[in-house]
Amino acid sequence: MADEHPAGGFSHLDDRGELRMVDVSGKEATVRTAVARGEVRISAELAERLKRGDIEKGNVFAAAHTAGVLAAKRTPELIPLCHPLLLDQVHLDFALRDDAVDITASVRLTGRTGAEMEALTAVSVAALTIYDMCKAVDREMEIGRIRLIEKQGGRSGHFVREEKT
């Protein structure tokens, strides 16, 4: 049977307060989706170079896309108590602005848990890849605003973040 949250407690702690992976064996497998977003704040010079595709290390967005997909697939290797999941789809989008790159990751799977951490991990690693590939041009880049935008499926239902402008 799936673990229940102790009254007022955390699901990743046992009755002795020790960390443990939650037992999800009693939960029904459902279609689950999650969308996460983040951004890399960049200089005007870097924005222009990205528009021209003028980065010495190569195609920044192709590398960041690949890194994000691989990161989503490897989330349980990076986040200690995450369950290994079979992902049906991982997709990343990049929007270049004059002062930032917006990153959106979408994850879809059928399982007993998951999707949020995989989407958040995809955004995080894609952002780190952009930083790595562009640091020779702009060492003042900032990675931030990484957040869950939407989640569907599972017992907790549908969540949609109200984005603040």
N, C-alpha and C. Protein backbone atom coordinates (compact mmCIF):
# COMPACT_ATOMS: atom_id res chain seq x y z
N MET A 1 0.84 -1.18 0.00
CA MET A 1 0.00 0.00 0.00
C MET A 1 0.88 1.25 0.00
N ALA A 2 0.44 2.27 -0.71
CA ALA A 2 1.22 3.49 -0.81
C ALA A 2 1.31 4.17 0.54
N ASP A 3 2.44 4.81 0.78
CA ASP A 3 2.63 5.53 2.04
C ASP A 3 1.70 6.73 2.10
N GLU A 4 1.19 6.97 3.28
CA GLU A 4 0.37 8.15 3.54
C GLU A 4 1.24 9.17 4.26
N HIS A 5 0.89 10.43 4.11
CA HIS A 5 1.59 11.47 4.86
C HIS A 5 1.18 11.34 6.32
N PRO A 6 2.13 11.23 7.23
CA PRO A 6 1.76 11.24 8.63
C PRO A 6 1.07 12.57 8.94
N ALA A 7 0.19 12.57 9.89
CA ALA A 7 -0.56 13.79 10.22
C ALA A 7 0.42 14.93 10.44
N GLY A 8 0.35 15.91 9.57
CA GLY A 8 1.22 17.07 9.68
C GLY A 8 2.66 16.79 9.33
N GLY A 9 2.97 15.60 8.84
CA GLY A 9 4.36 15.24 8.58
C GLY A 9 4.72 15.29 7.11
N PHE A 10 5.93 14.83 6.84
CA PHE A 10 6.44 14.81 5.48
C PHE A 10 6.47 13.36 4.99
N SER A 11 6.13 13.15 3.74
CA SER A 11 6.05 11.80 3.20
C SER A 11 7.41 11.12 3.05
N HIS A 12 8.50 11.88 3.04
CA HIS A 12 9.82 11.31 2.88
C HIS A 12 10.52 11.03 4.21
N LEU A 13 9.77 11.10 5.31
CA LEU A 13 10.33 10.77 6.62
C LEU A 13 9.54 9.61 7.20
N ASP A 14 10.25 8.63 7.76
CA ASP A 14 9.55 7.53 8.42
C ASP A 14 9.20 7.94 9.85
N ASP A 15 8.65 7.01 10.62
CA ASP A 15 8.21 7.34 11.98
C ASP A 15 9.37 7.66 12.93
N ARG A 16 10.60 7.37 12.52
CA ARG A 16 11.78 7.71 13.32
C ARG A 16 12.43 9.01 12.82
N GLY A 17 11.85 9.62 11.79
CA GLY A 17 12.42 10.85 11.23
C GLY A 17 13.52 10.61 10.23
N GLU A 18 13.69 9.34 9.80
CA GLU A 18 14.72 9.00 8.82
C GLU A 18 14.18 9.21 7.40
N LEU A 19 15.06 9.65 6.50
CA LEU A 19 14.67 9.80 5.10
C LEU A 19 14.41 8.44 4.48
N ARG A 20 13.41 8.40 3.61
CA ARG A 20 13.12 7.16 2.88
C ARG A 20 12.39 7.52 1.59
N MET A 21 12.48 6.62 0.62
CA MET A 21 11.73 6.79 -0.62
C MET A 21 10.30 6.36 -0.34
N VAL A 22 9.35 7.16 -0.79
CA VAL A 22 7.94 6.88 -0.55
C VAL A 22 7.53 5.64 -1.33
N ASP A 23 6.75 4.77 -0.72
CA ASP A 23 6.20 3.58 -1.38
C ASP A 23 4.97 4.00 -2.19
N VAL A 24 5.07 3.92 -3.51
CA VAL A 24 3.95 4.33 -4.37
C VAL A 24 3.26 3.11 -4.99
N SER A 25 3.57 1.93 -4.49
CA SER A 25 3.04 0.71 -5.11
C SER A 25 1.52 0.62 -5.07
N GLY A 26 0.89 1.25 -4.12
CA GLY A 26 -0.56 1.21 -4.02
C GLY A 26 -1.27 2.29 -4.83
N LYS A 27 -0.51 3.17 -5.45
CA LYS A 27 -1.12 4.24 -6.23
C LYS A 27 -1.42 3.75 -7.64
N GLU A 28 -2.46 4.28 -8.21
CA GLU A 28 -2.84 3.92 -9.58
C GLU A 28 -1.95 4.66 -10.58
N ALA A 29 -1.53 3.97 -11.61
CA ALA A 29 -0.77 4.61 -12.68
C ALA A 29 -1.72 5.47 -13.51
N THR A 30 -1.36 6.74 -13.66
CA THR A 30 -2.16 7.67 -14.46
C THR A 30 -1.24 8.46 -15.38
N VAL A 31 -1.83 9.10 -16.37
CA VAL A 31 -1.06 10.00 -17.23
C VAL A 31 -0.76 11.24 -16.40
N ARG A 32 0.50 11.62 -16.40
CA ARG A 32 0.94 12.78 -15.64
C ARG A 32 1.75 13.69 -16.55
N THR A 33 1.50 14.97 -16.42
CA THR A 33 2.26 15.95 -17.19
C THR A 33 2.73 17.06 -16.26
N ALA A 34 3.82 17.67 -16.63
CA ALA A 34 4.32 18.83 -15.88
C ALA A 34 5.02 19.77 -16.85
N VAL A 35 4.88 21.05 -16.56
CA VAL A 35 5.56 22.09 -17.32
C VAL A 35 6.31 22.97 -16.32
N ALA A 36 7.59 23.20 -16.60
CA ALA A 36 8.41 24.06 -15.75
C ALA A 36 9.06 25.13 -16.61
N ARG A 37 9.40 26.25 -15.98
CA ARG A 37 10.07 27.34 -16.69
C ARG A 37 11.21 27.90 -15.86
N GLY A 38 12.12 28.51 -16.57
CA GLY A 38 13.21 29.24 -15.94
C GLY A 38 13.79 30.19 -16.95
N GLU A 39 14.80 30.93 -16.53
CA GLU A 39 15.42 31.88 -17.45
C GLU A 39 16.89 32.02 -17.16
N VAL A 40 17.61 32.43 -18.19
CA VAL A 40 19.00 32.82 -18.05
C VAL A 40 19.07 34.28 -18.48
N ARG A 41 19.38 35.15 -17.54
CA ARG A 41 19.52 36.58 -17.84
C ARG A 41 20.86 36.77 -18.53
N ILE A 42 20.86 37.51 -19.64
CA ILE A 42 22.06 37.65 -20.46
C ILE A 42 22.28 39.11 -20.85
N SER A 43 23.48 39.39 -21.34
CA SER A 43 23.81 40.73 -21.83
C SER A 43 23.25 40.92 -23.23
N ALA A 44 23.16 42.18 -23.64
CA ALA A 44 22.70 42.51 -25.00
C ALA A 44 23.67 41.93 -26.03
N GLU A 45 24.96 41.97 -25.72
CA GLU A 45 25.95 41.41 -26.66
C GLU A 45 25.71 39.90 -26.87
N LEU A 46 25.48 39.18 -25.79
CA LEU A 46 25.24 37.75 -25.92
C LEU A 46 23.94 37.48 -26.67
N ALA A 47 22.92 38.27 -26.41
CA ALA A 47 21.65 38.09 -27.14
C ALA A 47 21.88 38.24 -28.64
N GLU A 48 22.64 39.24 -29.03
CA GLU A 48 22.94 39.44 -30.46
C GLU A 48 23.73 38.26 -31.03
N ARG A 49 24.70 37.78 -30.30
CA ARG A 49 25.50 36.65 -30.78
C ARG A 49 24.68 35.38 -30.87
N LEU A 50 23.75 35.19 -29.93
CA LEU A 50 22.87 34.02 -30.01
C LEU A 50 21.95 34.12 -31.22
N LYS A 51 21.45 35.32 -31.51
CA LYS A 51 20.60 35.52 -32.71
C LYS A 51 21.35 35.16 -33.98
N ARG A 52 22.63 35.51 -34.02
CA ARG A 52 23.45 35.23 -35.21
C ARG A 52 24.00 33.80 -35.21
N GLY A 53 23.89 33.09 -34.11
CA GLY A 53 24.48 31.76 -34.02
C GLY A 53 25.99 31.83 -33.94
N ASP A 54 26.50 32.89 -33.32
CA ASP A 54 27.93 33.18 -33.28
C ASP A 54 28.53 32.85 -31.91
N ILE A 55 28.45 31.59 -31.53
CA ILE A 55 29.05 31.12 -30.28
C ILE A 55 30.07 30.04 -30.62
N GLU A 56 31.29 30.24 -30.15
CA GLU A 56 32.41 29.35 -30.53
C GLU A 56 32.16 27.87 -30.22
N LYS A 57 31.45 27.59 -29.14
CA LYS A 57 31.25 26.19 -28.74
C LYS A 57 30.20 25.48 -29.59
N GLY A 58 29.45 26.21 -30.42
CA GLY A 58 28.48 25.55 -31.30
C GLY A 58 27.05 25.99 -31.06
N ASN A 59 26.12 25.15 -31.46
CA ASN A 59 24.69 25.46 -31.38
C ASN A 59 24.22 25.35 -29.93
N VAL A 60 24.08 26.49 -29.29
CA VAL A 60 23.75 26.55 -27.87
C VAL A 60 22.41 25.89 -27.58
N PHE A 61 21.40 26.20 -28.39
CA PHE A 61 20.06 25.70 -28.09
C PHE A 61 19.92 24.21 -28.37
N ALA A 62 20.62 23.70 -29.36
CA ALA A 62 20.60 22.25 -29.60
C ALA A 62 21.26 21.51 -28.43
N ALA A 63 22.38 22.05 -27.97
CA ALA A 63 23.07 21.41 -26.83
C ALA A 63 22.22 21.49 -25.57
N ALA A 64 21.61 22.64 -25.32
CA ALA A 64 20.78 22.81 -24.12
C ALA A 64 19.55 21.91 -24.18
N HIS A 65 18.98 21.74 -25.37
CA HIS A 65 17.82 20.85 -25.53
C HIS A 65 18.21 19.41 -25.20
N THR A 66 19.31 18.96 -25.77
CA THR A 66 19.77 17.59 -25.51
C THR A 66 20.09 17.40 -24.04
N ALA A 67 20.77 18.37 -23.43
CA ALA A 67 21.11 18.28 -22.01
C ALA A 67 19.85 18.22 -21.14
N GLY A 68 18.85 19.02 -21.50
CA GLY A 68 17.60 19.02 -20.73
C GLY A 68 16.88 17.70 -20.80
N VAL A 69 16.82 17.11 -21.98
CA VAL A 69 16.17 15.80 -22.13
C VAL A 69 16.92 14.75 -21.32
N LEU A 70 18.24 14.73 -21.46
CA LEU A 70 19.03 13.75 -20.70
C LEU A 70 18.87 13.95 -19.20
N ALA A 71 18.81 15.20 -18.75
CA ALA A 71 18.64 15.48 -17.32
C ALA A 71 17.30 14.97 -16.81
N ALA A 72 16.24 15.19 -17.57
CA ALA A 72 14.92 14.70 -17.16
C ALA A 72 14.96 13.18 -16.98
N LYS A 73 15.62 12.49 -17.91
CA LYS A 73 15.70 11.04 -17.85
C LYS A 73 16.54 10.56 -16.66
N ARG A 74 17.46 11.40 -16.19
CA ARG A 74 18.37 11.00 -15.12
C ARG A 74 18.03 11.63 -13.77
N THR A 75 16.86 12.21 -13.65
CA THR A 75 16.46 12.88 -12.42
C THR A 75 16.67 12.02 -11.17
N PRO A 76 16.28 10.74 -11.16
CA PRO A 76 16.48 9.96 -9.93
C PRO A 76 17.95 9.73 -9.57
N GLU A 77 18.86 9.93 -10.53
CA GLU A 77 20.29 9.83 -10.21
C GLU A 77 20.80 11.11 -9.56
N LEU A 78 20.07 12.20 -9.74
CA LEU A 78 20.49 13.51 -9.24
C LEU A 78 19.77 13.93 -7.96
N ILE A 79 18.49 13.57 -7.84
CA ILE A 79 17.66 13.93 -6.70
C ILE A 79 17.44 12.64 -5.90
N PRO A 80 17.99 12.55 -4.70
CA PRO A 80 18.09 11.27 -4.00
C PRO A 80 16.82 10.45 -3.84
N LEU A 81 15.66 11.05 -3.57
CA LEU A 81 14.48 10.26 -3.26
C LEU A 81 13.46 10.20 -4.40
N CYS A 82 13.87 10.61 -5.60
CA CYS A 82 12.96 10.53 -6.75
C CYS A 82 12.91 9.10 -7.28
N HIS A 83 11.72 8.71 -7.72
CA HIS A 83 11.54 7.39 -8.30
C HIS A 83 12.01 7.36 -9.75
N PRO A 84 12.59 6.25 -10.21
CA PRO A 84 12.91 6.11 -11.63
C PRO A 84 11.58 5.99 -12.41
N LEU A 85 11.46 6.76 -13.46
CA LEU A 85 10.21 6.78 -14.23
C LEU A 85 10.50 6.57 -15.70
N LEU A 86 9.54 5.96 -16.38
CA LEU A 86 9.63 5.82 -17.84
C LEU A 86 8.93 7.03 -18.45
N LEU A 87 9.70 7.90 -19.03
CA LEU A 87 9.16 9.14 -19.59
C LEU A 87 8.68 8.87 -21.01
N ASP A 88 7.46 9.32 -21.30
CA ASP A 88 6.91 9.17 -22.65
C ASP A 88 7.36 10.30 -23.55
N GLN A 89 7.53 11.50 -22.97
CA GLN A 89 7.92 12.64 -23.79
C GLN A 89 8.59 13.69 -22.91
N VAL A 90 9.64 14.27 -23.44
CA VAL A 90 10.29 15.44 -22.83
C VAL A 90 10.52 16.42 -23.96
N HIS A 91 10.07 17.64 -23.77
CA HIS A 91 10.26 18.66 -24.81
C HIS A 91 10.71 19.96 -24.16
N LEU A 92 11.65 20.63 -24.79
CA LEU A 92 12.11 21.93 -24.32
C LEU A 92 11.94 22.97 -25.41
N ASP A 93 11.56 24.17 -24.98
CA ASP A 93 11.45 25.33 -25.87
C ASP A 93 12.33 26.43 -25.31
N PHE A 94 12.91 27.22 -26.20
CA PHE A 94 13.76 28.33 -25.82
C PHE A 94 13.25 29.58 -26.53
N ALA A 95 13.08 30.66 -25.78
CA ALA A 95 12.67 31.94 -26.36
C ALA A 95 13.74 32.96 -26.02
N LEU A 96 14.34 33.53 -27.05
CA LEU A 96 15.41 34.51 -26.87
C LEU A 96 14.81 35.91 -26.81
N ARG A 97 15.10 36.59 -25.70
CA ARG A 97 14.72 38.00 -25.55
C ARG A 97 15.99 38.84 -25.58
N ASP A 98 15.86 40.15 -25.55
CA ASP A 98 17.02 41.03 -25.56
C ASP A 98 17.88 40.90 -24.31
N ASP A 99 17.28 40.43 -23.21
CA ASP A 99 18.02 40.36 -21.95
C ASP A 99 17.94 38.99 -21.27
N ALA A 100 17.36 37.99 -21.95
CA ALA A 100 17.22 36.68 -21.30
C ALA A 100 16.90 35.60 -22.33
N VAL A 101 17.13 34.38 -21.92
CA VAL A 101 16.63 33.21 -22.63
C VAL A 101 15.61 32.56 -21.70
N ASP A 102 14.38 32.44 -22.18
CA ASP A 102 13.34 31.75 -21.42
C ASP A 102 13.36 30.28 -21.81
N ILE A 103 13.31 29.40 -20.82
CA ILE A 103 13.36 27.96 -21.05
C ILE A 103 12.07 27.36 -20.51
N THR A 104 11.41 26.55 -21.33
CA THR A 104 10.21 25.83 -20.90
C THR A 104 10.42 24.35 -21.18
N ALA A 105 10.17 23.52 -20.18
CA ALA A 105 10.28 22.07 -20.34
C ALA A 105 8.93 21.44 -20.04
N SER A 106 8.52 20.50 -20.89
CA SER A 106 7.29 19.75 -20.71
C SER A 106 7.63 18.27 -20.62
N VAL A 107 7.03 17.58 -19.66
CA VAL A 107 7.27 16.16 -19.45
C VAL A 107 5.92 15.45 -19.40
N ARG A 108 5.86 14.28 -20.04
CA ARG A 108 4.64 13.46 -20.02
C ARG A 108 5.05 12.02 -19.74
N LEU A 109 4.26 11.36 -18.88
CA LEU A 109 4.52 9.96 -18.57
C LEU A 109 3.24 9.32 -18.05
N THR A 110 3.24 8.00 -18.00
CA THR A 110 2.19 7.26 -17.33
C THR A 110 2.85 6.53 -16.18
N GLY A 111 2.43 6.86 -14.96
CA GLY A 111 3.08 6.26 -13.81
C GLY A 111 2.33 6.54 -12.53
N ARG A 112 2.93 6.12 -11.43
CA ARG A 112 2.32 6.26 -10.11
C ARG A 112 2.73 7.55 -9.40
N THR A 113 3.73 8.21 -9.94
CA THR A 113 4.24 9.46 -9.36
C THR A 113 5.00 10.19 -10.44
N GLY A 114 5.26 11.45 -10.18
CA GLY A 114 6.25 12.12 -10.99
C GLY A 114 5.80 13.11 -12.02
N ALA A 115 6.76 13.64 -12.69
CA ALA A 115 6.77 14.58 -13.80
C ALA A 115 7.28 15.95 -13.37
N GLU A 116 6.93 16.44 -12.16
CA GLU A 116 7.36 17.77 -11.77
C GLU A 116 8.88 17.86 -11.65
N MET A 117 9.48 16.95 -10.92
CA MET A 117 10.93 17.02 -10.71
C MET A 117 11.69 16.84 -12.02
N GLU A 118 11.15 16.02 -12.91
CA GLU A 118 11.79 15.82 -14.21
C GLU A 118 11.76 17.10 -15.04
N ALA A 119 10.64 17.80 -15.04
CA ALA A 119 10.53 19.06 -15.79
C ALA A 119 11.45 20.12 -15.18
N LEU A 120 11.46 20.22 -13.85
CA LEU A 120 12.32 21.20 -13.19
C LEU A 120 13.81 20.89 -13.41
N THR A 121 14.16 19.63 -13.40
CA THR A 121 15.55 19.24 -13.64
C THR A 121 15.95 19.55 -15.08
N ALA A 122 15.05 19.30 -16.03
CA ALA A 122 15.33 19.61 -17.44
C ALA A 122 15.63 21.09 -17.62
N VAL A 123 14.81 21.95 -17.02
CA VAL A 123 15.04 23.40 -17.13
C VAL A 123 16.37 23.78 -16.49
N SER A 124 16.64 23.24 -15.32
CA SER A 124 17.87 23.59 -14.59
C SER A 124 19.11 23.23 -15.38
N VAL A 125 19.16 22.03 -15.91
CA VAL A 125 20.35 21.58 -16.64
C VAL A 125 20.46 22.27 -17.99
N ALA A 126 19.34 22.56 -18.64
CA ALA A 126 19.39 23.33 -19.89
C ALA A 126 19.97 24.71 -19.62
N ALA A 127 19.56 25.34 -18.52
CA ALA A 127 20.09 26.66 -18.16
C ALA A 127 21.59 26.59 -17.88
N LEU A 128 22.02 25.57 -17.16
CA LEU A 128 23.45 25.41 -16.88
C LEU A 128 24.25 25.19 -18.16
N THR A 129 23.66 24.49 -19.11
CA THR A 129 24.33 24.26 -20.40
C THR A 129 24.49 25.56 -21.17
N ILE A 130 23.44 26.38 -21.17
CA ILE A 130 23.55 27.69 -21.82
C ILE A 130 24.67 28.50 -21.16
N TYR A 131 24.69 28.50 -19.84
CA TYR A 131 25.75 29.22 -19.13
C TYR A 131 27.13 28.70 -19.54
N ASP A 132 27.30 27.40 -19.53
CA ASP A 132 28.60 26.81 -19.87
C ASP A 132 29.04 27.19 -21.28
N MET A 133 28.13 27.14 -22.22
CA MET A 133 28.49 27.40 -23.61
C MET A 133 28.72 28.88 -23.90
N CYS A 134 28.19 29.76 -23.05
CA CYS A 134 28.25 31.20 -23.33
C CYS A 134 29.11 31.99 -22.35
N LYS A 135 29.70 31.35 -21.38
CA LYS A 135 30.43 32.07 -20.33
C LYS A 135 31.62 32.86 -20.86
N ALA A 136 32.19 32.48 -21.98
CA ALA A 136 33.30 33.23 -22.54
C ALA A 136 32.85 34.62 -23.03
N VAL A 137 31.57 34.73 -23.37
CA VAL A 137 31.01 36.00 -23.85
C VAL A 137 30.45 36.83 -22.70
N ASP A 138 29.81 36.16 -21.71
CA ASP A 138 29.08 36.88 -20.67
C ASP A 138 29.20 36.12 -19.35
N ARG A 139 30.14 36.52 -18.51
CA ARG A 139 30.32 35.87 -17.21
C ARG A 139 29.30 36.35 -16.18
N GLU A 140 28.50 37.35 -16.52
CA GLU A 140 27.52 37.87 -15.57
C GLU A 140 26.11 37.31 -15.78
N MET A 141 26.00 36.25 -16.57
CA MET A 141 24.69 35.62 -16.74
C MET A 141 24.14 35.20 -15.38
N GLU A 142 22.82 35.21 -15.26
CA GLU A 142 22.16 34.77 -14.04
C GLU A 142 21.09 33.75 -14.39
N ILE A 143 21.11 32.65 -13.70
CA ILE A 143 20.09 31.62 -13.86
C ILE A 143 19.06 31.82 -12.76
N GLY A 144 17.78 31.82 -13.13
CA GLY A 144 16.78 32.04 -12.10
C GLY A 144 15.36 31.78 -12.54
N ARG A 145 14.45 32.10 -11.61
CA ARG A 145 13.01 31.98 -11.79
C ARG A 145 12.60 30.57 -12.24
N ILE A 146 13.28 29.56 -11.77
CA ILE A 146 12.92 28.18 -12.11
C ILE A 146 11.72 27.80 -11.25
N ARG A 147 10.64 27.39 -11.92
CA ARG A 147 9.40 27.13 -11.20
C ARG A 147 8.50 26.18 -11.96
N LEU A 148 7.62 25.52 -11.23
CA LEU A 148 6.59 24.67 -11.83
C LEU A 148 5.47 25.58 -12.32
N ILE A 149 5.06 25.39 -13.58
CA ILE A 149 4.00 26.19 -14.19
C ILE A 149 2.67 25.45 -14.15
N GLU A 150 2.73 24.15 -14.47
CA GLU A 150 1.50 23.36 -14.51
C GLU A 150 1.83 21.91 -14.23
N LYS A 151 0.89 21.24 -13.58
CA LYS A 151 1.02 19.82 -13.29
C LYS A 151 -0.36 19.20 -13.37
N GLN A 152 -0.45 18.06 -14.04
CA GLN A 152 -1.72 17.34 -14.14
C GLN A 152 -1.50 15.87 -13.88
N GLY A 153 -2.52 15.24 -13.29
CA GLY A 153 -2.47 13.81 -13.04
C GLY A 153 -2.16 13.49 -11.60
N GLY A 154 -2.57 12.32 -11.19
CA GLY A 154 -2.31 11.90 -9.82
C GLY A 154 -3.35 12.40 -8.85
N ARG A 155 -3.16 12.02 -7.61
CA ARG A 155 -4.12 12.30 -6.56
C ARG A 155 -4.28 13.79 -6.28
N SER A 156 -3.21 14.56 -6.44
CA SER A 156 -3.29 15.98 -6.10
C SER A 156 -3.97 16.82 -7.19
N GLY A 157 -4.27 16.21 -8.32
CA GLY A 157 -5.06 16.90 -9.34
C GLY A 157 -4.28 17.86 -10.22
N HIS A 158 -4.97 18.90 -10.66
CA HIS A 158 -4.44 19.85 -11.63
C HIS A 158 -3.99 21.12 -10.92
N PHE A 159 -2.75 21.52 -11.18
CA PHE A 159 -2.20 22.74 -10.63
C PHE A 159 -1.79 23.64 -11.78
N VAL A 160 -2.16 24.91 -11.73
CA VAL A 160 -1.69 25.91 -12.70
C VAL A 160 -1.23 27.12 -11.91
N ARG A 161 0.01 27.51 -12.10
CA ARG A 161 0.57 28.68 -11.42
C ARG A 161 0.00 29.93 -12.07
N GLU A 162 -0.36 30.87 -11.24
CA GLU A 162 -0.73 32.20 -11.74
C GLU A 162 0.55 32.98 -11.87
N GLU A 163 0.97 33.22 -13.12
CA GLU A 163 2.22 33.94 -13.36
C GLU A 163 2.03 35.42 -13.03
N LYS A 164 2.99 35.95 -12.28
CA LYS A 164 2.99 37.37 -11.95
C LYS A 164 3.85 38.09 -12.97
N THR A 165 3.38 39.21 -13.42
CA THR A 165 4.17 39.96 -14.42
C THR A 165 5.21 40.84 -13.80
